[in-house]
Amino acid sequence: MPDPTVYQRPSELLQHLIRFNTTNPPGNELACVQYLNDLLQAAGIETTLLVKDENRPNLIARQTSTFPLQFMRRMSAFQQRHSTLAQRNFSIADPFWTNQ
């Protein structure tokens, strides 16, 4: 079970996430998704796992709020030589992501 207060130490949380080998192919996001699922549940956030491929589950987290917010992120990493996307720096306001 991850430390539920790790969100207060973002660099430590980032270190944990980077340690998961989610290089695609093959992906293998299961351990990362389980870690995030446990972390969110420990914080009292409702979660659901949707599984088509057992090594690549999808995590849905829901928290009651006064305004809707949707955040989607890939768990898998990709090798730079396989994708031109690795050469771009993305931000949440990047039209590449917001227009998808």
C-alpha atoms as a PDB file:
ATOM      1  CA  MET A   1       0.000   0.000   0.000  1.00  0.00           C
ATOM      2  CA  PRO A   2       1.525   3.337  -0.992  1.00  0.00           C
ATOM      3  CA  ASP A   3       1.844   6.144   1.516  1.00  0.00           C
ATOM      4  CA  PRO A   4      -1.398   8.162   1.117  1.00  0.00           C
ATOM      5  CA  THR A   5       0.420  11.392   1.975  1.00  0.00           C
ATOM      6  CA  VAL A   6       2.943  11.059  -0.867  1.00  0.00           C
ATOM      7  CA  TYR A   7       0.977  13.669  -2.860  1.00  0.00           C
ATOM      8  CA  GLN A   8       2.397  16.217  -0.405  1.00  0.00           C
ATOM      9  CA  ARG A   9       5.873  15.310  -1.702  1.00  0.00           C
ATOM     10  CA  PRO A  10       5.527  15.590  -5.491  1.00  0.00           C
ATOM     11  CA  SER A  11       9.162  14.786  -6.265  1.00  0.00           C
ATOM     12  CA  GLU A  12       8.885  11.526  -4.313  1.00  0.00           C
ATOM     13  CA  LEU A  13       5.633  10.661  -6.086  1.00  0.00           C
ATOM     14  CA  LEU A  14       7.265  11.360  -9.445  1.00  0.00           C
ATOM     15  CA  GLN A  15      10.210   9.132  -8.502  1.00  0.00           C
ATOM     16  CA  HIS A  16       7.822   6.270  -7.713  1.00  0.00           C
ATOM     17  CA  LEU A  17       6.016   6.704 -11.038  1.00  0.00           C
ATOM     18  CA  ILE A  18       9.222   6.903 -13.089  1.00  0.00           C
ATOM     19  CA  ARG A  19      10.451   3.617 -11.604  1.00  0.00           C
ATOM     20  CA  PHE A  20       7.620   1.692 -13.262  1.00  0.00           C
ATOM     21  CA  ASN A  21       8.788   0.222 -16.560  1.00  0.00           C
ATOM     22  CA  THR A  22       5.863   1.006 -18.832  1.00  0.00           C
ATOM     23  CA  THR A  23       7.874   1.175 -22.052  1.00  0.00           C
ATOM     24  CA  ASN A  24       5.653   0.427 -25.020  1.00  0.00           C
ATOM     25  CA  PRO A  25       5.764  -2.179 -26.400  1.00  0.00           C
ATOM     26  CA  PRO A  26       4.655  -4.154 -24.473  1.00  0.00           C
ATOM     27  CA  GLY A  27       3.306  -1.564 -22.049  1.00  0.00           C
ATOM     28  CA  ASN A  28       2.912  -3.519 -18.801  1.00  0.00           C
ATOM     29  CA  GLU A  29       1.131  -0.684 -17.021  1.00  0.00           C
ATOM     30  CA  LEU A  30      -0.494  -3.021 -14.479  1.00  0.00           C
ATOM     31  CA  ALA A  31       1.878  -2.291 -11.556  1.00  0.00           C
ATOM     32  CA  CYS A  32       1.673   1.470 -12.157  1.00  0.00           C
ATOM     33  CA  VAL A  33      -2.121   1.402 -12.375  1.00  0.00           C
ATOM     34  CA  GLN A  34      -2.345  -0.686  -9.196  1.00  0.00           C
ATOM     35  CA  TYR A  35      -0.073   1.793  -7.381  1.00  0.00           C
ATOM     36  CA  LEU A  36      -2.195   4.766  -8.500  1.00  0.00           C
ATOM     37  CA  ASN A  37      -5.407   2.886  -7.706  1.00  0.00           C
ATOM     38  CA  ASP A  38      -4.219   2.156  -4.146  1.00  0.00           C
ATOM     39  CA  LEU A  39      -3.043   5.742  -3.705  1.00  0.00           C
ATOM     40  CA  LEU A  40      -6.359   7.198  -4.859  1.00  0.00           C
ATOM     41  CA  GLN A  41      -8.417   4.794  -2.739  1.00  0.00           C
ATOM     42  CA  ALA A  42      -6.304   5.626   0.328  1.00  0.00           C
ATOM     43  CA  ALA A  43      -7.197   9.280  -0.305  1.00  0.00           C
ATOM     44  CA  GLY A  44     -10.904   8.380  -0.323  1.00  0.00           C
ATOM     45  CA  ILE A  45     -11.392   8.666  -4.083  1.00  0.00           C
ATOM     46  CA  GLU A  46     -13.676   6.152  -5.784  1.00  0.00           C
ATOM     47  CA  THR A  47     -11.857   4.138  -8.466  1.00  0.00           C
ATOM     48  CA  THR A  48     -12.786   1.595 -11.123  1.00  0.00           C
ATOM     49  CA  LEU A  49     -10.474  -0.599 -13.178  1.00  0.00           C
ATOM     50  CA  LEU A  50     -11.560  -1.539 -16.693  1.00  0.00           C
ATOM     51  CA  VAL A  51      -9.571  -4.410 -18.125  1.00  0.00           C
ATOM     52  CA  LYS A  52      -9.393  -5.610 -21.709  1.00  0.00           C
ATOM     53  CA  ASP A  53      -5.750  -6.740 -21.559  1.00  0.00           C
ATOM     54  CA  GLU A  54      -4.755  -7.715 -17.999  1.00  0.00           C
ATOM     55  CA  ASN A  55      -1.352  -6.015 -18.309  1.00  0.00           C
ATOM     56  CA  ARG A  56      -2.877  -2.758 -19.591  1.00  0.00           C
ATOM     57  CA  PRO A  57      -5.874  -1.835 -17.407  1.00  0.00           C
ATOM     58  CA  ASN A  58      -7.626   1.527 -17.515  1.00  0.00           C
ATOM     59  CA  LEU A  59      -8.094   3.445 -14.274  1.00  0.00           C
ATOM     60  CA  ILE A  60     -11.118   5.667 -13.720  1.00  0.00           C
ATOM     61  CA  ALA A  61     -11.197   7.853 -10.607  1.00  0.00           C
ATOM     62  CA  ARG A  62     -14.246   9.798  -9.479  1.00  0.00           C
ATOM     63  CA  GLN A  63     -14.474  12.453  -6.832  1.00  0.00           C
ATOM     64  CA  THR A  64     -17.521  14.571  -6.053  1.00  0.00           C
ATOM     65  CA  SER A  65     -16.954  18.128  -7.182  1.00  0.00           C
ATOM     66  CA  THR A  66     -18.858  21.299  -7.930  1.00  0.00           C
ATOM     67  CA  PHE A  67     -17.331  21.474 -11.410  1.00  0.00           C
ATOM     68  CA  PRO A  68     -16.566  18.706 -13.902  1.00  0.00           C
ATOM     69  CA  LEU A  69     -12.960  17.891 -14.695  1.00  0.00           C
ATOM     70  CA  GLN A  70     -11.597  15.158 -16.910  1.00  0.00           C
ATOM     71  CA  PHE A  71      -7.922  14.319 -17.036  1.00  0.00           C
ATOM     72  CA  MET A  72      -6.610  11.582 -19.268  1.00  0.00           C
ATOM     73  CA  ARG A  73      -3.035  10.394 -19.407  1.00  0.00           C
ATOM     74  CA  ARG A  74      -1.247   7.468 -20.946  1.00  0.00           C
ATOM     75  CA  MET A  75       0.501   5.179 -18.486  1.00  0.00           C
ATOM     76  CA  SER A  76       2.829   3.705 -21.068  1.00  0.00           C
ATOM     77  CA  ALA A  77       6.117   5.291 -21.992  1.00  0.00           C
ATOM     78  CA  PHE A  78       7.445   5.198 -25.526  1.00  0.00           C
ATOM     79  CA  GLN A  79      10.949   5.050 -26.845  1.00  0.00           C
ATOM     80  CA  GLN A  80      12.083   8.182 -28.625  1.00  0.00           C
ATOM     81  CA  ARG A  81      13.293   6.417 -31.745  1.00  0.00           C
ATOM     82  CA  HIS A  82       9.796   5.014 -32.356  1.00  0.00           C
ATOM     83  CA  SER A  83       7.838   8.235 -32.249  1.00  0.00           C
ATOM     84  CA  THR A  84       8.111  11.847 -33.326  1.00  0.00           C
ATOM     85  CA  LEU A  85       5.884  12.708 -30.335  1.00  0.00           C
ATOM     86  CA  ALA A  86       8.911  12.219 -28.077  1.00  0.00           C
ATOM     87  CA  GLN A  87      10.495  15.270 -29.674  1.00  0.00           C
ATOM     88  CA  ARG A  88       7.671  17.611 -28.586  1.00  0.00           C
ATOM     89  CA  ASN A  89       7.193  19.202 -25.199  1.00  0.00           C
ATOM     90  CA  PHE A  90       3.517  19.074 -24.249  1.00  0.00           C
ATOM     91  CA  SER A  91       1.525  21.146 -21.831  1.00  0.00           C
ATOM     92  CA  ILE A  92      -2.088  20.891 -20.775  1.00  0.00           C
ATOM     93  CA  ALA A  93      -2.897  23.807 -23.097  1.00  0.00           C
ATOM     94  CA  ASP A  94      -1.171  22.180 -26.073  1.00  0.00           C
ATOM     95  CA  PRO A  95      -3.573  22.064 -29.061  1.00  0.00           C
ATOM     96  CA  PHE A  96      -2.332  18.560 -29.917  1.00  0.00           C
ATOM     97  CA  TRP A  97      -3.964  17.201 -26.760  1.00  0.00           C
ATOM     98  CA  THR A  98      -6.937  19.536 -26.441  1.00  0.00           C
ATOM     99  CA  ASN A  99      -8.172  18.928 -29.976  1.00  0.00           C
ATOM    100  CA  GLN A 100      -8.126  15.135 -29.734  1.00  0.00           C
END
